[in-house]
Protein backbone atom coordinates (compact mmCIF):
# COMPACT_ATOMS: atom_id res chain seq x y z
CA UNK A 1 90.75 64.64 49.72
CA UNK A 2 92.94 67.88 50.44
CA UNK A 3 91.00 68.28 53.75
CA UNK A 4 91.85 64.78 54.74
CA UNK A 5 95.69 64.96 54.09
CA UNK A 6 95.87 68.38 56.15
CA UNK A 7 94.13 66.06 59.00
CA UNK A 8 96.49 63.20 58.55
CA UNK A 9 99.61 65.87 58.64
CA UNK A 10 98.26 67.77 61.71
CA UNK A 11 97.92 64.30 63.96
CA UNK A 12 100.86 63.58 62.50
CA UNK A 13 102.68 66.70 63.80
CA UNK A 14 100.69 66.46 67.07
CA UNK A 15 101.95 63.28 67.49
CA UNK A 16 105.34 64.07 66.92
CA UNK A 17 104.98 66.87 69.30
CA UNK A 18 103.88 64.32 72.05
CA UNK A 19 106.75 61.99 71.45
CA UNK A 20 109.25 64.93 71.81
CA UNK A 21 108.12 66.49 74.65
CA UNK A 22 107.74 62.73 76.34
CA UNK A 23 111.62 61.88 75.39
CA UNK A 24 112.56 65.41 76.98
CA UNK A 25 110.74 64.87 79.99
CA UNK A 26 112.49 61.10 80.77
CA UNK A 27 115.89 62.90 79.80
CA UNK A 28 116.03 65.55 82.32
CA UNK A 29 117.94 64.26 85.07
CA UNK A 30 118.01 65.73 88.51
CA UNK A 31 121.57 65.17 89.65
CA UNK A 32 123.03 65.89 93.26
CA UNK A 33 126.74 66.95 93.52
CA UNK A 34 129.21 67.53 96.15
CA UNK A 35 131.01 71.28 96.04
CA UNK A 36 134.26 69.79 95.91
CA UNK A 37 136.70 68.75 93.27
CA UNK A 38 135.24 65.13 93.14
CA UNK A 39 132.39 66.37 91.14
CA UNK A 40 134.34 67.63 88.28
CA UNK A 41 133.32 64.87 86.08
CA UNK A 42 129.69 66.14 86.23
CA UNK A 43 131.33 70.03 85.85
CA UNK A 44 133.19 69.00 82.93
CA UNK A 45 130.53 66.80 81.19
CA UNK A 46 128.44 69.71 81.50
CA UNK A 47 130.90 72.25 80.39
CA UNK A 48 132.20 70.64 77.69
CA UNK A 49 128.91 69.54 76.14
CA UNK A 50 129.18 65.65 76.91
CA UNK A 51 125.70 65.34 78.24
CA UNK A 52 124.11 67.82 75.37
CA UNK A 53 126.05 65.34 73.32
CA UNK A 54 124.27 62.37 74.86
CA UNK A 55 120.95 64.08 74.70
CA UNK A 56 120.15 64.50 78.21
CA UNK A 57 119.62 67.49 80.12
CA UNK A 58 121.38 67.71 83.69
CA UNK A 59 119.88 69.73 86.79
CA UNK A 60 122.63 69.94 89.26
CA UNK A 61 122.25 70.58 92.75
CA UNK A 62 124.90 71.05 95.48
CA UNK A 63 125.04 69.12 99.15
CA UNK A 64 127.34 68.88 101.47
CA UNK A 65 127.85 65.19 101.87
CA UNK A 66 126.11 62.03 100.18
CA UNK A 67 124.57 61.53 103.77
CA UNK A 68 122.54 64.63 102.91
CA UNK A 69 121.22 63.34 99.53
CA UNK A 70 121.18 60.06 99.31
CA UNK A 71 117.71 60.42 101.43
CA UNK A 72 116.45 62.77 98.68
CA UNK A 73 117.76 59.75 96.02
CA UNK A 74 115.83 56.90 98.04
CA UNK A 75 112.72 59.47 98.30
CA UNK A 76 112.70 59.88 94.33
CA UNK A 77 113.62 63.72 94.42
CA UNK A 78 116.88 63.20 92.83
CA UNK A 79 117.86 60.53 90.22
CA UNK A 80 120.84 60.57 90.32
CA UNK A 81 123.56 61.53 93.55
CA UNK A 82 127.65 61.86 93.65
CA UNK A 83 128.07 60.04 96.84
CA UNK A 84 131.38 59.06 98.70
CA UNK A 85 131.81 55.05 99.51
CA UNK A 86 131.46 54.88 102.82
CA UNK A 87 128.17 56.94 102.59
CA UNK A 88 127.27 54.49 99.60
CA UNK A 89 127.72 51.46 101.46
CA UNK A 90 125.70 52.49 105.06
CA UNK A 91 122.98 53.69 102.53
CA UNK A 92 122.75 50.07 100.94
CA UNK A 93 123.05 48.26 104.16
CA UNK A 94 119.81 50.14 105.60
CA UNK A 95 117.86 49.22 102.32
CA UNK A 96 118.87 51.70 99.33
CA UNK A 97 118.41 49.64 96.40
CA UNK A 98 121.43 51.67 94.63
CA UNK A 99 123.17 51.23 91.19
CA UNK A 100 126.64 52.25 90.91
CA UNK A 101 126.23 54.24 86.96
CA UNK A 102 129.95 55.56 87.36
CA UNK A 103 133.06 56.26 89.02
CA UNK A 104 134.37 59.48 90.30
CA UNK A 105 137.75 60.19 92.51
CA UNK A 106 139.84 57.28 93.17
CA UNK A 107 142.96 57.35 95.62
CA UNK A 108 146.12 57.23 93.70
CA UNK A 109 148.59 54.27 94.10
CA UNK A 110 151.40 56.36 95.65
CA UNK A 111 152.93 59.53 96.77
CA UNK A 112 151.11 62.67 97.30
CA UNK A 113 147.36 62.89 96.68
CA UNK A 114 144.38 65.35 96.65
CA UNK A 115 142.79 63.07 99.76
CA UNK A 116 144.12 63.16 103.62
CA UNK A 117 147.16 64.48 104.35
CA UNK A 118 148.49 63.60 107.98
CA UNK A 119 150.41 66.88 108.92
CA UNK A 120 152.02 67.72 111.79
CA UNK A 121 154.51 70.91 113.41
CA UNK A 122 157.77 70.65 111.74
CA UNK A 123 160.21 68.59 113.63
CA UNK A 124 157.75 67.92 116.65
CA UNK A 125 156.48 64.30 115.44
CA UNK A 126 158.91 61.69 113.29
CA UNK A 127 157.20 58.75 112.50
CA UNK A 128 153.47 57.59 112.93
CA UNK A 129 154.42 55.51 115.94
CA UNK A 130 154.96 59.09 117.41
CA UNK A 131 151.40 59.62 117.18
CA UNK A 132 150.59 57.37 120.30
CA UNK A 133 149.41 59.91 122.99
CA UNK A 134 149.07 62.37 120.78
CA UNK A 135 145.45 64.72 119.74
CA UNK A 136 144.63 64.06 116.13
CA UNK A 137 141.91 66.24 113.93
CA UNK A 138 139.93 64.46 111.96
CA UNK A 139 136.74 66.41 109.81
CA UNK A 140 134.44 64.28 111.17
CA UNK A 141 134.42 61.04 113.27
CA UNK A 142 133.16 57.88 111.31
CA UNK A 143 133.23 59.69 107.93
CA UNK A 144 135.40 58.63 104.98
CA UNK A 145 138.39 60.38 106.37
CA UNK A 146 138.04 59.06 109.67
CA UNK A 147 138.36 55.51 108.10
CA UNK A 148 141.52 55.72 106.46
CA UNK A 149 143.23 57.63 109.12
CA UNK A 150 142.34 54.69 111.52
CA UNK A 151 143.46 52.28 108.83
CA UNK A 152 146.46 54.19 108.40
CA UNK A 153 147.11 53.84 112.20
CA UNK A 154 147.16 50.24 112.24
CA UNK A 155 149.07 50.23 109.11
CA UNK A 156 151.89 51.43 111.11
CA UNK A 157 151.61 49.69 114.02
CA UNK A 158 149.68 52.74 115.90
CA UNK A 159 147.70 51.67 119.10
CA UNK A 160 144.66 53.79 118.58
CA UNK A 161 143.78 53.62 122.48
CA UNK A 162 146.65 56.03 123.04
CA UNK A 163 145.64 58.34 119.82
CA UNK A 164 143.02 60.96 120.92
CA UNK A 165 140.74 61.98 118.14
CA UNK A 166 139.05 65.44 117.70
CA UNK A 167 136.42 66.65 115.49
CA UNK A 168 137.77 69.89 113.39
CA UNK A 169 136.23 71.02 110.20
CA UNK A 170 138.87 70.92 107.42
CA UNK A 171 138.70 74.81 107.02
CA UNK A 172 139.23 75.28 110.93
CA UNK A 173 142.30 72.79 111.33
CA UNK A 174 145.38 74.56 110.33
CA UNK A 175 145.11 77.27 113.16
CA UNK A 176 145.15 74.66 116.24
CA UNK A 177 147.86 72.75 114.93
CA UNK A 178 150.38 75.81 113.82
CA UNK A 179 149.28 77.01 117.93
CA UNK A 180 150.09 73.84 119.21
CA UNK A 181 146.43 73.02 120.06
CA UNK A 182 146.35 69.78 118.91
CA UNK A 183 149.55 67.48 117.37
CA UNK A 184 148.45 66.50 114.04
CA UNK A 185 145.76 66.68 111.47
CA UNK A 186 144.24 64.74 108.50
CA UNK A 187 144.28 67.60 106.14
CA UNK A 188 142.73 67.82 102.20
CA UNK A 189 143.11 70.31 99.58
CA UNK A 190 143.30 73.33 99.05
CA UNK A 191 143.59 73.92 102.83
CA UNK A 192 147.29 71.36 102.85
CA UNK A 193 148.95 73.68 100.30
CA UNK A 194 147.93 76.48 102.66
CA UNK A 195 149.57 74.98 105.60
CA UNK A 196 152.72 73.74 103.56
CA UNK A 197 153.04 77.25 102.41
CA UNK A 198 153.37 78.15 106.06
CA UNK A 199 156.95 76.16 105.87
CA UNK A 200 155.94 74.98 109.89
CA UNK A 201 154.82 71.36 109.25
CA UNK A 202 155.90 68.36 107.80
CA UNK A 203 153.58 65.42 106.25
CA UNK A 204 154.00 61.86 107.58
CA UNK A 205 152.09 60.46 105.07
CA UNK A 206 148.72 60.19 103.17
CA UNK A 207 146.21 57.98 104.62
CA UNK A 208 143.95 57.17 101.88
CA UNK A 209 147.31 56.22 99.77
CA UNK A 210 148.45 53.72 102.57
CA UNK A 211 145.56 52.45 103.61
CA UNK A 212 144.03 51.90 100.29
CA UNK A 213 145.50 52.69 97.12
CA UNK A 214 143.29 52.95 93.73
CA UNK A 215 140.47 53.03 95.96
CA UNK A 216 137.14 54.42 94.75
CA UNK A 217 136.59 56.94 96.98
CA UNK A 218 133.11 58.73 95.16
CA UNK A 219 130.86 57.54 92.76
CA UNK A 220 127.42 58.55 90.79
CA UNK A 221 124.66 56.38 92.51
CA UNK A 222 121.08 56.08 91.51
CA UNK A 223 118.28 53.87 92.26
CA UNK A 224 117.22 50.32 90.71
CA UNK A 225 113.82 51.81 89.91
CA UNK A 226 115.12 54.97 87.95
CA UNK A 227 117.20 52.68 86.14
CA UNK A 228 114.86 50.23 85.32
CA UNK A 229 112.54 52.88 84.17
CA UNK A 230 115.62 54.90 82.36
CA UNK A 231 117.92 52.18 81.18
CA UNK A 232 119.39 54.16 78.14
CA UNK A 233 119.34 57.53 79.85
CA UNK A 234 121.53 55.71 82.86
CA UNK A 235 124.11 54.20 80.17
CA UNK A 236 124.21 57.91 78.50
CA UNK A 237 124.42 59.59 81.38
CA UNK A 238 127.56 57.01 82.54
CA UNK A 239 129.01 57.29 79.06
CA UNK A 240 129.02 61.47 79.41
CA UNK A 241 130.72 60.79 83.17
CA UNK A 242 133.59 58.67 81.89
CA UNK A 243 134.17 60.75 78.93
CA UNK A 244 134.44 63.57 81.21
CA UNK A 245 136.98 62.00 83.66
CA UNK A 246 138.75 61.10 80.40
CA UNK A 247 139.40 64.57 79.76
CA UNK A 248 140.22 65.56 83.45
CA UNK A 249 143.46 63.35 83.15
CA UNK A 250 144.58 65.11 79.99
CA UNK A 251 143.84 68.64 80.22
CA UNK A 252 145.32 70.13 83.21
CA UNK A 253 145.03 73.75 82.48
CA UNK A 254 141.30 73.62 81.54
CA UNK A 255 140.62 71.26 84.42
CA UNK A 256 142.59 73.74 86.80
CA UNK A 257 140.68 76.44 85.58
CA UNK A 258 137.18 74.68 85.86
CA UNK A 259 138.26 73.80 89.47
CA UNK A 260 138.88 77.29 90.64
CA UNK A 261 135.26 78.49 89.27
CA UNK A 262 133.51 75.41 90.43
CA UNK A 263 135.29 75.15 94.28
CA UNK A 264 135.53 79.14 94.51
CA UNK A 265 139.25 78.73 94.83
CA UNK A 266 141.22 81.24 95.67
CA UNK A 267 143.22 82.37 92.35
CA UNK A 268 146.76 82.18 93.48
CA UNK A 269 146.36 78.35 94.36
CA UNK A 270 144.45 77.39 90.99
CA UNK A 271 147.95 76.19 89.67
CA UNK A 272 149.31 75.13 93.17
CA UNK A 273 146.84 72.38 94.83
CA UNK A 274 146.80 68.47 93.57
CA UNK A 275 143.83 67.52 91.78
CA UNK A 276 141.96 64.44 92.72
CA UNK A 277 142.42 61.45 90.19
CA UNK A 278 139.35 60.16 88.34
CA UNK A 279 138.24 56.62 87.25
CA UNK A 280 136.84 55.42 84.53
CA UNK A 281 135.13 52.07 85.59
CA UNK A 282 133.73 51.24 88.98
CA UNK A 283 136.32 48.82 90.66
CA UNK A 284 133.92 47.06 92.78
CA UNK A 285 136.84 45.12 94.14
CA UNK A 286 138.29 48.18 95.75
CA UNK A 287 134.68 48.96 97.04
CA UNK A 288 134.49 45.87 98.57
CA UNK A 289 137.77 46.72 100.28
CA UNK A 290 136.25 49.51 101.64
CA UNK A 291 133.63 47.43 102.92
CA UNK A 292 136.07 45.23 104.84
CA UNK A 293 137.67 48.18 106.57
CA UNK A 294 134.22 49.64 107.38
CA UNK A 295 133.01 46.39 109.16
CA UNK A 296 136.41 45.82 110.81
CA UNK A 297 135.94 49.48 112.08
CA UNK A 298 132.31 49.15 113.12
CA UNK A 299 131.13 51.45 110.44
CA UNK A 300 128.74 48.37 109.19
CA UNK A 301 127.36 45.76 111.22
CA UNK A 302 127.79 43.27 108.32
CA UNK A 303 128.72 42.51 104.77
CA UNK A 304 126.41 44.25 102.05
CA UNK A 305 125.15 42.52 99.24
CA UNK A 306 127.01 44.19 96.34
CA UNK A 307 125.73 41.88 93.12
CA UNK A 308 124.14 43.80 90.36
CA UNK A 309 125.23 46.99 92.07
CA UNK A 310 126.87 48.11 88.94
CA UNK A 311 125.02 49.51 85.83
CA UNK A 312 127.70 47.20 83.62
CA UNK A 313 126.08 44.32 85.73
CA UNK A 314 122.25 44.70 84.80
């Protein structure tokens, strides 16, 4: 009888180990993030233990753009990817069966923003209308920054046929503007703050804010197949990100410290750069608005079916 009890206990222990290992394997998430401040939700969720509290282990890999990580998501080599709305919608158009799990950065409703500032030499250009006949630098043609710059020009009734767009990476934009080699730039943080420190520039406006205030800029995207297989893990991931995004709104000193470490920001700029605004719920109306702009300016051929594309809808 004693030997039978030992055998039963051993079998129960073995079954428990197998179940624990299965849960641990299921709860490991391969996450692709962007090496920018927009990824602070995931950074904070990891640092503050929100992922751990939800019983998930997240392995993060950095990609310079959603366009690089989304093919890996579709191939099953990532479980979740942080993507910008333009890349997300283009991937959906190309057949990705994607599900948006949680929001990341969103545009402010008005005023200054961490998204692109339209910057010119002080006194050289007085209004957006004066950009006609001028050279404007944007990081990548047909990018999210380009889309919002084009929409900004239309808001101000600028004849785009009279504007010359040039591709210049964000880190290299400031010097050509100061040298007079280009007339305006669409610049982001921290390079915006660095350029303002020169005292030689003006900000005409913030293109994202004026083109689409409150827009969802970035989001955490997975696939229907992964969400169907791991529904509770997806919910717990989204809950941890939402909790982190709430933290980001009320703990500025700690967030600035995390941002400086994560982005390798110059410590002298840690307390001065504008930080992104973060959402706590996916705003499908704003994503639809971005889709309309993309169709208008040729970044999408036709509307994408957005039905059942968020975790909350499933």
